[in-house]
């Protein structure tokens, strides 16, 4: 027997804590929500500059003086003048959203005082103040590109970084629709330090590539990148789980050529002398002496190195991430009172060695040894003042996972004259650079059966198929339907599916979401799970965003509030019907 939802029981508590939430959100990926690093603070001071209003109390004059929010019994509290506002969340809205005239300054626990454009929402998480910065994706990149690279990098390297960062952000935004934020402000996602006008080169690179993302088979890719790949790009299947077709193993000589690419090197001389043994790393010399003793079964003296051969790569060929190296030595020993020489091979396990101090042109960086994953051996010469000693080097390179763009490789490629499009085509094989368009800029969608507005396509009956919806839409562009992750959609239309309009010969696309009022969980139906989702949203536990927030406005008054929950419950109980005409 189907359970009946009790409206009074579910709504009584909600009436005490909830405020109305505007229902229509921005279109797909035009903005991002970033969780800022604050540490565990009970009180947070901040300074708004420009024109801001408080969404929960728009009549208040916010001003430009220092304010503070505080945790108060699991809720967030803000005092403005003589008035105190306390709610589950408080949001400062920029009157000039999308411009740089309004900003909020606050202390980030990782980066110090930062300036943030856009809107700022405060609430309580795990007993501490939480701040989430919502802003246009292009302005978000103003705070990413100069810190993931450097404002001083060549402009085409910065452009390549801007495209990668934009693509990564867009792919992440589609994954966490029910979470209060899309991205962290650290290297766990992308380093984001807010806005600084002094980063003019990085800002110009973002503006010059506005809207550009990398796609594969019409899907926005997960554009991974790292500081240095160690001279060879890596496959995703070797680092994580699945192989993605646009990530391959390929030699990257530009990464190696960059003097700032981090590496460790340990020298093994061709001839062992007092001078050459003095310049050797102590751990490597000890490993060779012990290995030679074990191989010979007696005391021996190291005389010369015949060769050093890396072997046993961590992954399948053509990987050069070796785990071991065979060092073939000439050794001296005494037998029956006579001095003799012989040849033997000492096997080394490279990850067990502790050579190096992370010295490069930037000096010691204090990184963990485990961050360097590309190990090998190569011929080389040790320069010691006026003396040169031939031999071999054991090497450790690759700072990061090595998948996708190497920031040091991109820097060197741009120095050599490569355009950012060439840089991207090397690191992301067979991808297409496309531009994410806007509602105003894309060919217009028209329909006699459905309503088309900036926030989505509505008036869609439950059970409508993808084919039926597309048949009722017309445009000068090419139409298709994709799910929230950009994959082709089929079957029944669900809230959170997108009608994709491709134009300019396929180089530009725009996604507009489908909205079925009452289908909050995106399964194409209206049921118990949708009630649970709306309850959770109104209690500020798991927030609805984007098209699912639009779908929650079942009474079509422009806000999501208790009345929507009541109507949704009555609809599921069979006592009312949700109109899709809104």
Protein backbone atom coordinates (compact mmCIF):
# COMPACT_ATOMS: atom_id res chain seq x y z
CA UNK A 1 0.00 0.00 0.00
CA UNK A 2 1.36 3.41 -0.96
CA UNK A 3 2.14 5.62 2.01
CA UNK A 4 0.35 8.94 2.51
CA UNK A 5 2.42 11.99 3.36
CA UNK A 6 1.20 14.04 6.35
CA UNK A 7 1.42 17.70 5.37
CA UNK A 8 1.13 19.11 8.89
CA UNK A 9 3.87 16.93 10.35
CA UNK A 10 6.33 17.65 7.55
CA UNK A 11 5.75 21.37 7.28
CA UNK A 12 5.44 22.57 10.88
CA UNK A 13 9.17 22.62 11.59
CA UNK A 14 9.95 23.97 8.14
CA UNK A 15 7.74 26.97 8.68
CA UNK A 16 9.97 28.02 11.54
CA UNK A 17 13.27 27.96 9.68
CA UNK A 18 12.73 28.58 5.98
CA UNK A 19 12.77 31.61 3.79
CA UNK A 20 11.66 31.80 0.18
CA UNK A 21 14.34 30.93 -2.38
CA UNK A 22 14.21 32.33 -5.93
CA UNK A 23 13.44 29.43 -8.24
CA UNK A 24 15.22 30.27 -11.48
CA UNK A 25 18.98 29.69 -11.51
CA UNK A 26 21.60 30.55 -14.11
CA UNK A 27 21.92 28.42 -17.21
CA UNK A 28 24.28 25.47 -17.36
CA UNK A 29 27.87 26.26 -16.34
CA UNK A 30 27.63 30.02 -16.74
CA UNK A 31 28.56 30.39 -13.08
CA UNK A 32 30.36 28.40 -10.40
CA UNK A 33 30.04 28.01 -6.63
CA UNK A 34 33.37 27.86 -4.80
CA UNK A 35 33.82 26.73 -1.21
CA UNK A 36 36.35 29.06 0.39
CA UNK A 37 38.99 27.92 2.87
CA UNK A 38 38.24 29.54 6.23
CA UNK A 39 39.39 27.08 8.85
CA UNK A 40 37.14 26.36 11.83
CA UNK A 41 35.92 29.85 12.75
CA UNK A 42 32.91 30.74 14.88
CA UNK A 43 33.06 34.36 13.70
CA UNK A 44 34.22 35.75 10.37
CA UNK A 45 34.88 39.41 9.55
CA UNK A 46 34.48 40.66 5.98
CA UNK A 47 34.21 43.96 4.12
CA UNK A 48 31.80 44.49 1.21
CA UNK A 49 32.83 47.13 -1.32
CA UNK A 50 30.32 48.45 -3.87
CA UNK A 51 26.59 47.78 -3.85
CA UNK A 52 25.29 44.71 -2.04
CA UNK A 53 21.91 43.64 -0.72
CA UNK A 54 21.11 40.91 1.78
CA UNK A 55 18.79 38.42 0.09
CA UNK A 56 17.09 37.54 3.38
CA UNK A 57 16.53 41.21 4.34
CA UNK A 58 16.77 43.35 1.18
CA UNK A 59 15.59 46.46 3.03
CA UNK A 60 18.84 46.68 5.02
CA UNK A 61 21.51 49.15 3.95
CA UNK A 62 24.65 47.01 3.82
CA UNK A 63 27.19 49.81 3.28
CA UNK A 64 30.94 49.37 2.81
CA UNK A 65 32.13 48.99 6.38
CA UNK A 66 33.46 45.87 8.07
CA UNK A 67 30.79 43.33 9.07
CA UNK A 68 30.94 39.94 10.67
CA UNK A 69 28.91 36.75 10.62
CA UNK A 70 28.75 34.42 13.60
CA UNK A 71 27.54 30.94 14.41
CA UNK A 72 24.46 31.10 16.59
CA UNK A 73 22.93 27.80 17.63
CA UNK A 74 23.57 26.05 14.33
CA UNK A 75 22.42 29.07 12.30
CA UNK A 76 24.30 32.02 10.86
CA UNK A 77 23.86 35.54 12.24
CA UNK A 78 24.77 38.93 10.78
CA UNK A 79 24.48 42.30 12.49
CA UNK A 80 24.02 45.37 10.30
CA UNK A 81 23.76 48.54 12.33
CA UNK A 82 21.21 47.93 15.06
CA UNK A 83 19.51 45.02 13.30
CA UNK A 84 20.54 41.37 13.58
CA UNK A 85 19.49 38.85 10.95
CA UNK A 86 19.71 35.14 11.75
CA UNK A 87 18.83 32.35 9.32
CA UNK A 88 19.92 28.97 8.01
CA UNK A 89 21.94 30.86 5.39
CA UNK A 90 22.62 34.48 4.51
CA UNK A 91 23.56 35.65 1.03
CA UNK A 92 25.03 38.97 -0.05
CA UNK A 93 23.94 39.73 -3.62
CA UNK A 94 25.98 42.00 -5.87
CA UNK A 95 23.87 44.66 -7.58
CA UNK A 96 26.46 44.75 -10.38
CA UNK A 97 26.86 40.98 -10.72
CA UNK A 98 29.28 40.13 -13.51
CA UNK A 99 31.26 43.36 -13.13
CA UNK A 100 34.36 44.09 -11.04
CA UNK A 101 32.95 47.08 -9.17
CA UNK A 102 31.44 44.99 -6.35
CA UNK A 103 33.63 42.72 -4.24
CA UNK A 104 34.03 41.29 -0.77
CA UNK A 105 37.31 41.14 1.12
CA UNK A 106 37.87 38.46 3.73
CA UNK A 107 40.66 36.40 5.28
CA UNK A 108 41.23 33.05 3.57
CA UNK A 109 42.95 30.54 5.87
CA UNK A 110 45.25 29.39 3.04
CA UNK A 111 45.90 32.57 1.08
CA UNK A 112 45.45 35.51 3.46
CA UNK A 113 43.30 38.50 2.54
CA UNK A 114 41.50 37.90 -0.75
CA UNK A 115 39.06 39.86 -2.91
CA UNK A 116 36.01 38.00 -4.21
CA UNK A 117 33.68 39.12 -6.99
CA UNK A 118 30.06 38.00 -7.32
CA UNK A 119 27.77 36.84 -4.51
CA UNK A 120 28.71 35.40 -1.13
CA UNK A 121 26.63 32.93 0.88
CA UNK A 122 27.33 32.21 4.54
CA UNK A 123 26.00 29.27 6.52
CA UNK A 124 27.12 26.82 9.20
CA UNK A 125 28.89 23.53 8.52
CA UNK A 126 30.27 21.27 11.24
CA UNK A 127 29.78 24.05 13.77
CA UNK A 128 31.85 26.65 11.88
CA UNK A 129 31.20 29.48 9.43
CA UNK A 130 31.13 28.38 5.81
CA UNK A 131 31.43 30.78 2.86
CA UNK A 132 30.52 29.92 -0.73
CA UNK A 133 31.41 32.37 -3.49
CA UNK A 134 29.09 32.29 -6.53
CA UNK A 135 30.28 34.15 -9.61
CA UNK A 136 30.45 33.94 -13.42
CA UNK A 137 32.81 31.23 -14.59
CA UNK A 138 34.94 33.73 -16.52
CA UNK A 139 35.52 35.84 -13.39
CA UNK A 140 36.29 32.69 -11.45
CA UNK A 141 39.09 32.02 -13.92
CA UNK A 142 40.57 35.46 -13.17
CA UNK A 143 41.40 34.02 -9.75
CA UNK A 144 42.62 30.64 -11.02
CA UNK A 145 44.89 31.14 -14.04
CA UNK A 146 47.52 33.46 -12.42
CA UNK A 147 47.87 31.05 -9.48
CA UNK A 148 47.80 27.73 -11.28
CA UNK A 149 50.48 29.16 -13.56
CA UNK A 150 51.97 32.62 -13.14
CA UNK A 151 50.91 35.97 -14.48
CA UNK A 152 54.41 36.21 -16.02
CA UNK A 153 54.06 33.08 -18.21
CA UNK A 154 53.90 33.53 -22.01
CA UNK A 155 50.44 34.57 -23.15
CA UNK A 156 49.77 31.38 -25.12
CA UNK A 157 50.64 29.24 -22.11
CA UNK A 158 48.17 31.32 -20.08
CA UNK A 159 45.52 30.90 -22.80
CA UNK A 160 46.02 27.13 -22.75
CA UNK A 161 45.72 27.17 -18.95
CA UNK A 162 42.54 29.25 -19.17
CA UNK A 163 40.91 26.74 -21.52
CA UNK A 164 41.95 23.82 -19.31
CA UNK A 165 40.72 25.50 -16.12
CA UNK A 166 37.41 26.49 -17.73
CA UNK A 167 36.89 22.97 -19.10
CA UNK A 168 37.73 21.39 -15.76
CA UNK A 169 35.36 23.70 -13.90
CA UNK A 170 32.54 23.05 -16.38
CA UNK A 171 32.95 19.29 -16.04
CA UNK A 172 32.94 19.48 -12.24
CA UNK A 173 29.86 21.71 -12.11
CA UNK A 174 27.82 19.00 -13.82
CA UNK A 175 28.78 16.41 -11.20
CA UNK A 176 27.55 17.99 -7.98
CA UNK A 177 24.09 19.39 -8.63
CA UNK A 178 22.84 18.50 -5.15
CA UNK A 179 25.89 19.84 -3.31
CA UNK A 180 26.04 23.39 -1.99
CA UNK A 181 29.22 24.09 -3.95
CA UNK A 182 30.90 22.94 -7.16
CA UNK A 183 34.58 23.45 -6.45
CA UNK A 184 37.11 23.80 -3.67
CA UNK A 185 39.55 26.73 -3.79
CA UNK A 186 42.62 24.48 -3.39
CA UNK A 187 44.67 22.21 -5.64
CA UNK A 188 42.21 19.41 -4.83
CA UNK A 189 40.27 21.14 -7.60
CA UNK A 190 41.96 24.35 -8.75
CA UNK A 191 43.78 27.04 -6.79
CA UNK A 192 41.45 30.04 -6.60
CA UNK A 193 42.55 33.21 -4.80
CA UNK A 194 39.94 35.69 -5.93
CA UNK A 195 40.36 38.77 -8.08
CA UNK A 196 43.39 41.04 -8.44
CA UNK A 197 43.52 43.57 -11.29
CA UNK A 198 47.32 43.40 -11.30
CA UNK A 199 47.11 39.97 -12.97
CA UNK A 200 46.47 41.68 -16.29
CA UNK A 201 48.14 39.06 -18.53
CA UNK A 202 46.19 36.19 -17.02
CA UNK A 203 42.94 38.17 -17.21
CA UNK A 204 43.64 38.95 -20.88
CA UNK A 205 44.20 35.24 -21.55
CA UNK A 206 40.84 34.41 -19.99
CA UNK A 207 39.09 37.13 -21.98
CA UNK A 208 40.77 36.05 -25.24
CA UNK A 209 39.47 32.48 -24.83
CA UNK A 210 36.07 33.38 -23.41
CA UNK A 211 33.74 30.38 -23.36
CA UNK A 212 36.20 28.00 -25.00
CA UNK A 213 36.19 24.42 -23.73
CA UNK A 214 37.67 21.12 -24.88
CA UNK A 215 35.24 18.47 -26.11
CA UNK A 216 35.49 14.88 -27.27
CA UNK A 217 32.60 13.26 -29.13
CA UNK A 218 30.53 16.39 -28.31
CA UNK A 219 31.14 15.97 -24.56
CA UNK A 220 33.04 18.44 -22.38
CA UNK A 221 36.09 16.53 -21.20
CA UNK A 222 37.62 16.28 -17.74
CA UNK A 223 40.62 18.51 -18.49
CA UNK A 224 43.27 17.36 -16.02
CA UNK A 225 46.66 19.05 -15.82
CA UNK A 226 49.72 19.04 -13.57
CA UNK A 227 52.88 21.03 -12.93
CA UNK A 228 55.32 18.74 -14.78
CA UNK A 229 54.96 15.35 -16.45
CA UNK A 230 58.64 14.42 -16.28
CA UNK A 231 59.03 14.16 -20.05
CA UNK A 232 56.12 11.84 -20.85
CA UNK A 233 52.37 12.36 -20.65
CA UNK A 234 50.42 9.78 -18.66
CA UNK A 235 47.25 7.77 -19.26
CA UNK A 236 44.34 8.18 -16.86
CA UNK A 237 44.03 4.42 -16.45
CA UNK A 238 47.54 4.28 -15.01
CA UNK A 239 46.83 6.98 -12.44
CA UNK A 240 43.19 6.37 -11.58
CA UNK A 241 40.82 3.77 -13.02
CA UNK A 242 39.56 4.14 -16.57
CA UNK A 243 41.49 5.06 -19.70
CA UNK A 244 40.04 8.12 -21.42
CA UNK A 245 40.75 8.12 -25.17
CA UNK A 246 42.10 11.66 -25.34
CA UNK A 247 44.88 10.96 -22.81
CA UNK A 248 47.81 9.01 -24.25
CA UNK A 249 51.43 8.32 -23.39
CA UNK A 250 53.66 10.53 -25.50
CA UNK A 251 57.15 11.94 -25.04
CA UNK A 252 57.16 15.61 -24.06
CA UNK A 253 60.63 17.03 -24.68
CA UNK A 254 59.42 20.55 -23.86
CA UNK A 255 58.75 19.55 -20.26
CA UNK A 256 62.29 18.20 -19.99
CA UNK A 257 63.75 21.30 -21.65
CA UNK A 258 62.20 23.65 -19.07
CA UNK A 259 64.83 24.47 -16.46
CA UNK A 260 62.06 24.95 -13.88
CA UNK A 261 60.72 21.42 -14.23
CA UNK A 262 61.44 19.79 -10.87
CA UNK A 263 63.84 16.86 -10.90
CA UNK A 264 66.17 14.88 -8.66
CA UNK A 265 69.39 13.38 -10.03
CA UNK A 266 71.97 11.05 -8.53
CA UNK A 267 75.30 10.58 -10.31
CA UNK A 268 76.97 7.21 -10.90
CA UNK A 269 80.49 7.76 -12.30
CA UNK A 270 82.05 5.85 -15.14
CA UNK A 271 85.24 5.55 -13.07
CA UNK A 272 85.22 5.27 -9.27
CA UNK A 273 87.90 7.53 -7.86
CA UNK A 274 88.28 9.43 -4.66
CA UNK A 275 86.99 12.54 -6.43
CA UNK A 276 83.96 10.90 -8.08
CA UNK A 277 82.93 8.96 -4.97
CA UNK A 278 83.01 12.18 -3.00
CA UNK A 279 80.38 13.77 -5.26
CA UNK A 280 78.06 10.76 -5.23
CA UNK A 281 74.89 10.67 -3.17
CA UNK A 282 75.67 8.69 -0.02
CA UNK A 283 72.57 6.50 -0.26
CA UNK A 284 73.32 5.50 -3.85
CA UNK A 285 76.97 4.73 -3.12
CA UNK A 286 75.97 2.63 -0.11
CA UNK A 287 73.38 0.72 -2.18
CA UNK A 288 76.00 -0.08 -4.83
CA UNK A 289 78.60 -1.18 -2.27
CA UNK A 290 76.11 -3.43 -0.47
CA UNK A 291 74.73 -4.81 -3.73
CA UNK A 292 78.22 -5.56 -5.06
CA UNK A 293 79.13 -7.36 -1.82
CA UNK A 294 75.99 -9.50 -1.99
CA UNK A 295 76.46 -10.30 -5.69
CA UNK A 296 80.14 -11.24 -5.27
CA UNK A 297 79.76 -12.92 -1.91
CA UNK A 298 82.92 -11.17 -0.69
CA UNK A 299 84.46 -7.78 -0.08
CA UNK A 300 84.99 -5.93 -3.37
CA UNK A 301 86.16 -2.50 -4.49
CA UNK A 302 84.12 -0.48 -7.00
CA UNK A 303 86.31 0.34 -10.00
CA UNK A 304 84.10 1.32 -12.94
CA UNK A 305 80.57 1.39 -14.27
CA UNK A 306 79.88 -0.42 -17.54
CA UNK A 307 76.25 0.64 -17.87
CA UNK A 308 73.04 1.56 -16.08
CA UNK A 309 69.85 0.10 -17.54
CA UNK A 310 66.40 1.14 -16.27
CA UNK A 311 63.80 -1.64 -16.31
CA UNK A 312 60.40 -2.82 -15.11
CA UNK A 313 58.26 0.21 -15.86
CA UNK A 314 55.35 0.70 -13.49
CA UNK A 315 52.93 0.61 -16.44
CA UNK A 316 52.79 -1.05 -19.85
CA UNK A 317 55.00 0.14 -22.71
CA UNK A 318 55.74 2.80 -23.81
CA UNK A 319 55.81 3.97 -20.17
CA UNK A 320 59.18 5.20 -18.94
CA UNK A 321 58.17 5.29 -15.28
CA UNK A 322 60.74 2.68 -14.28
CA UNK A 323 60.81 0.99 -10.92
CA UNK A 324 64.27 -0.60 -11.07
CA UNK A 325 67.68 -0.20 -12.67
CA UNK A 326 70.52 -2.69 -13.26
CA UNK A 327 73.96 -1.22 -12.67
CA UNK A 328 76.75 -3.26 -14.29
CA UNK A 329 80.05 -2.74 -12.47
CA UNK A 330 83.68 -3.66 -12.74
CA UNK A 331 84.95 -4.55 -9.27
CA UNK A 332 88.29 -5.49 -7.79
CA UNK A 333 88.91 -8.20 -5.21
CA UNK A 334 91.67 -10.29 -3.80
CA UNK A 335 91.84 -14.06 -4.31
CA UNK A 336 94.64 -16.28 -3.05
CA UNK A 337 96.79 -13.23 -2.49
CA UNK A 338 96.34 -11.90 -6.00
CA UNK A 339 94.45 -8.79 -7.12
CA UNK A 340 91.72 -9.65 -9.62
CA UNK A 341 88.85 -7.87 -11.37
CA UNK A 342 85.41 -9.04 -12.39
CA UNK A 343 82.09 -7.83 -13.64
CA UNK A 344 78.75 -8.06 -11.84
CA UNK A 345 75.31 -6.48 -11.88
CA UNK A 346 73.68 -4.72 -8.93
CA UNK A 347 69.87 -4.38 -9.06
CA UNK A 348 68.49 -1.14 -7.58
CA UNK A 349 64.90 -0.47 -6.56
CA UNK A 350 64.60 3.20 -7.46
CA UNK A 351 61.80 4.20 -5.11
CA UNK A 352 63.81 2.95 -2.13
CA UNK A 353 66.64 5.40 -2.77
CA UNK A 354 66.64 8.72 -0.93
CA UNK A 355 68.87 10.88 -3.10
CA UNK A 356 68.24 14.50 -3.96
CA UNK A 357 67.03 17.63 -2.24
CA UNK A 358 64.51 19.00 -4.77
CA UNK A 359 66.92 21.63 -6.05
CA UNK A 360 66.04 23.43 -9.26
CA UNK A 361 66.13 26.98 -10.58
CA UNK A 362 63.53 27.93 -7.98
CA UNK A 363 65.56 26.50 -5.13
CA UNK A 364 64.44 24.00 -2.55
CA UNK A 365 60.64 23.73 -2.51
CA UNK A 366 60.11 21.40 0.43
CA UNK A 367 58.04 18.93 -1.55
CA UNK A 368 57.43 15.35 -0.55
CA UNK A 369 59.61 12.82 -2.38
CA UNK A 370 56.57 10.79 -3.28
CA UNK A 371 55.44 13.64 -5.54
CA UNK A 372 58.10 12.73 -8.13
CA UNK A 373 56.90 9.62 -9.97
CA UNK A 374 58.87 9.41 -13.24
CA UNK A 375 62.03 7.44 -12.43
CA UNK A 376 64.76 6.37 -14.84
CA UNK A 377 68.45 6.43 -15.77
CA UNK A 378 70.37 8.21 -18.51
CA UNK A 379 73.87 9.00 -19.71
CA UNK A 380 75.35 12.28 -18.48
CA UNK A 381 78.36 14.29 -17.41
CA UNK A 382 78.91 15.74 -13.94
CA UNK A 383 80.44 19.23 -14.04
CA UNK A 384 82.53 19.99 -10.95
CA UNK A 385 84.17 23.32 -11.58
CA UNK A 386 86.84 22.74 -14.18
CA UNK A 387 86.48 18.96 -13.97
CA UNK A 388 84.03 16.90 -15.99
CA UNK A 389 83.22 13.33 -15.04
CA UNK A 390 81.31 11.07 -17.49
CA UNK A 391 78.82 8.58 -16.14
CA UNK A 392 75.08 8.04 -15.64
CA UNK A 393 72.30 9.75 -13.74
CA UNK A 394 69.50 8.14 -11.85
CA UNK A 395 66.58 10.54 -12.31
CA UNK A 396 63.25 11.30 -10.67
CA UNK A 397 60.86 13.72 -12.35
CA UNK A 398 57.14 14.45 -12.75
CA UNK A 399 55.58 16.78 -10.18
CA UNK A 400 51.93 15.76 -10.14
CA UNK A 401 50.02 12.98 -11.87
CA UNK A 402 51.33 13.76 -15.36
CA UNK A 403 47.90 13.52 -17.03
CA UNK A 404 46.99 16.19 -19.58
CA UNK A 405 48.67 19.56 -19.87
CA UNK A 406 52.08 20.02 -18.29
CA UNK A 407 52.27 23.60 -17.07
CA UNK A 408 56.04 23.64 -17.48
CA UNK A 409 55.74 21.96 -20.87
CA UNK A 410 53.16 24.52 -21.97
CA UNK A 411 55.41 27.32 -20.77
CA UNK A 412 58.31 26.00 -22.85
CA UNK A 413 56.13 25.33 -25.90
CA UNK A 414 54.79 28.89 -25.80
CA UNK A 415 58.35 30.22 -25.51
CA UNK A 416 59.23 28.28 -28.65
CA UNK A 417 56.36 29.89 -30.56
CA UNK A 418 53.53 27.35 -30.31
CA UNK A 419 50.02 28.81 -30.21
CA UNK A 420 47.72 27.77 -27.41
CA UNK A 421 45.65 25.70 -29.83
CA UNK A 422 48.76 23.70 -30.77
CA UNK A 423 49.64 23.23 -27.11
CA UNK A 424 46.16 21.90 -26.33
CA UNK A 425 46.10 19.56 -29.33
CA UNK A 426 49.28 17.85 -28.08
CA UNK A 427 48.10 17.31 -24.51
CA UNK A 428 44.48 16.42 -25.34
CA UNK A 429 44.57 14.11 -28.34
CA UNK A 430 41.74 14.30 -30.89
CA UNK A 431 39.72 16.80 -28.86
CA UNK A 432 37.85 19.74 -30.37
CA UNK A 433 38.04 23.30 -29.10
CA UNK A 434 34.48 24.63 -28.94
CA UNK A 435 32.86 27.72 -27.53
CA UNK A 436 30.08 27.53 -24.95
CA UNK A 437 27.60 30.09 -26.16
CA UNK A 438 24.99 32.17 -24.35
CA UNK A 439 21.21 32.29 -24.46
CA UNK A 440 21.28 35.65 -26.21
CA UNK A 441 24.03 34.65 -28.63
CA UNK A 442 22.77 31.22 -29.68
CA UNK A 443 20.19 30.59 -32.43
CA UNK A 444 16.75 30.89 -30.86
CA UNK A 445 14.83 27.81 -29.84
CA UNK A 446 11.17 27.97 -30.81
CA UNK A 447 8.20 25.76 -30.02
CA UNK A 448 4.42 25.86 -30.28
CA UNK A 449 4.12 23.22 -27.55
CA UNK A 450 6.73 24.19 -24.96
CA UNK A 451 7.86 27.38 -23.25
CA UNK A 452 11.46 28.41 -23.89
CA UNK A 453 13.02 30.89 -21.46
CA UNK A 454 16.52 31.81 -20.35
CA UNK A 455 16.38 29.45 -17.37
CA UNK A 456 15.07 26.45 -19.30
CA UNK A 457 12.46 24.65 -21.37
CA UNK A 458 9.20 23.92 -19.55
CA UNK A 459 5.63 22.81 -20.24
CA UNK A 460 6.92 19.26 -20.65
CA UNK A 461 4.50 16.51 -19.65
CA UNK A 462 5.76 13.69 -17.45
CA UNK A 463 6.64 10.74 -19.69
CA UNK A 464 7.60 12.82 -22.73
CA UNK A 465 10.32 11.08 -24.74
CA UNK A 466 13.51 12.75 -25.91
CA UNK A 467 12.43 12.28 -29.52
CA UNK A 468 9.03 13.86 -28.86
CA UNK A 469 10.55 16.93 -27.24
CA UNK A 470 13.13 17.46 -29.98
CA UNK A 471 10.43 17.08 -32.64
CA UNK A 472 8.52 19.99 -31.05
CA UNK A 473 11.54 22.32 -31.07
CA UNK A 474 12.98 24.25 -34.02
CA UNK A 475 16.20 26.21 -34.39
CA UNK A 476 18.68 27.31 -37.03
CA UNK A 477 21.26 25.28 -35.12
CA UNK A 478 21.57 21.48 -34.86
CA UNK A 479 19.60 20.12 -31.88
CA UNK A 480 20.35 17.15 -29.67
CA UNK A 481 19.74 16.18 -26.05
CA UNK A 482 22.41 15.40 -23.47
CA UNK A 483 22.37 14.52 -19.79
CA UNK A 484 24.03 16.56 -17.03
CA UNK A 485 27.42 15.06 -17.85
CA UNK A 486 27.16 15.87 -21.55
CA UNK A 487 26.51 12.31 -22.75
CA UNK A 488 23.77 11.69 -25.35
CA UNK A 489 20.37 11.25 -23.68
CA UNK A 490 17.59 8.92 -24.75
CA UNK A 491 14.33 7.52 -23.36
CA UNK A 492 12.17 9.73 -21.16
CA UNK A 493 12.98 13.40 -20.64
CA UNK A 494 14.11 14.18 -17.09
CA UNK A 495 14.73 17.44 -15.29
CA UNK A 496 18.41 18.16 -15.79
CA UNK A 497 18.59 16.92 -19.35
CA UNK A 498 19.77 19.65 -21.73
CA UNK A 499 18.79 20.56 -25.26
CA UNK A 500 22.08 21.28 -26.99
CA UNK A 501 22.13 23.72 -29.89
CA UNK A 502 25.27 23.42 -32.02
CA UNK A 503 26.06 26.22 -34.46
CA UNK A 504 28.90 27.98 -36.29
CA UNK A 505 29.65 24.70 -38.04
CA UNK A 506 29.68 22.85 -34.72
CA UNK A 507 32.36 25.08 -33.19
CA UNK A 508 29.92 26.67 -30.74
CA UNK A 509 27.18 25.15 -28.60
CA UNK A 510 24.65 26.22 -26.02
CA UNK A 511 22.85 23.98 -23.51
CA UNK A 512 19.39 24.83 -22.18
CA UNK A 513 17.92 22.59 -19.46
CA UNK A 514 14.60 20.78 -19.57
CA UNK A 515 12.44 21.43 -16.50
CA UNK A 516 9.59 19.16 -15.39
CA UNK A 517 7.92 20.80 -12.39
CA UNK A 518 7.91 18.36 -9.48
CA UNK A 519 10.70 16.17 -10.86
CA UNK A 520 13.36 17.37 -8.45
CA UNK A 521 15.52 14.24 -8.42
CA UNK A 522 15.84 14.11 -12.21
CA UNK A 523 14.31 10.68 -12.82
CA UNK A 524 11.51 11.92 -15.07
CA UNK A 525 8.73 11.15 -12.58
CA UNK A 526 7.12 12.83 -9.56
CA UNK A 527 7.19 10.80 -6.35
CA UNK A 528 8.34 10.30 -2.80
CA UNK A 529 12.00 11.02 -3.56
CA UNK A 530 11.07 14.46 -4.84
CA UNK A 531 9.31 15.27 -1.58
CA UNK A 532 12.39 14.20 0.34
CA UNK A 533 14.60 16.34 -1.91
CA UNK A 534 12.44 19.43 -1.37
CA UNK A 535 12.32 18.87 2.40
CA UNK A 536 16.11 18.62 2.48
CA UNK A 537 16.41 21.81 0.45
CA UNK A 538 14.06 23.81 2.65
CA UNK A 539 15.93 22.61 5.73
CA UNK A 540 19.16 23.74 4.07
CA UNK A 541 20.61 20.23 4.33
CA UNK A 542 21.09 19.38 0.64
CA UNK A 543 20.42 22.32 -1.65
CA UNK A 544 18.75 22.10 -5.03
CA UNK A 545 20.46 24.03 -7.80
CA UNK A 546 20.05 24.80 -11.49
CA UNK A 547 17.13 23.13 -13.29
CA UNK A 548 16.21 21.07 -10.22
CA UNK A 549 15.72 24.26 -8.26
CA UNK A 550 13.52 25.57 -11.07
CA UNK A 551 11.54 22.30 -10.99
CA UNK A 552 10.85 22.83 -7.28
CA UNK A 553 8.74 25.93 -7.97
CA UNK A 554 5.64 23.81 -8.50
CA UNK A 555 3.21 26.67 -7.79
CA UNK A 556 4.98 28.92 -10.33
CA UNK A 557 5.31 32.00 -8.13
CA UNK A 558 9.05 32.48 -8.67
CA UNK A 559 10.12 31.23 -5.22
CA UNK A 560 10.67 27.85 -3.60
CA UNK A 561 8.97 27.72 -0.23
CA UNK A 562 6.61 25.79 2.06
CA UNK A 563 3.68 26.18 -0.34
CA UNK A 564 5.61 24.24 -2.99
CA UNK A 565 6.18 21.37 -0.56
CA UNK A 566 2.47 21.29 0.33
CA UNK A 567 1.45 21.15 -3.34
CA UNK A 568 4.06 18.50 -4.11
CA UNK A 569 2.83 16.33 -1.22
CA UNK A 570 -0.80 16.73 -2.30
CA UNK A 571 0.17 15.76 -5.85
CA UNK A 572 2.00 12.62 -4.75
CA UNK A 573 -0.94 11.74 -2.44
CA UNK A 574 -3.29 12.10 -5.41
CA UNK A 575 -5.16 15.11 -4.01
CA UNK A 576 -3.88 17.71 -6.49
CA UNK A 577 -2.10 17.98 -9.80
CA UNK A 578 1.03 19.96 -10.61
CA UNK A 579 0.60 22.05 -13.71
CA UNK A 580 3.45 22.02 -16.25
CA UNK A 581 2.11 25.23 -17.79
CA UNK A 582 4.31 27.55 -15.65
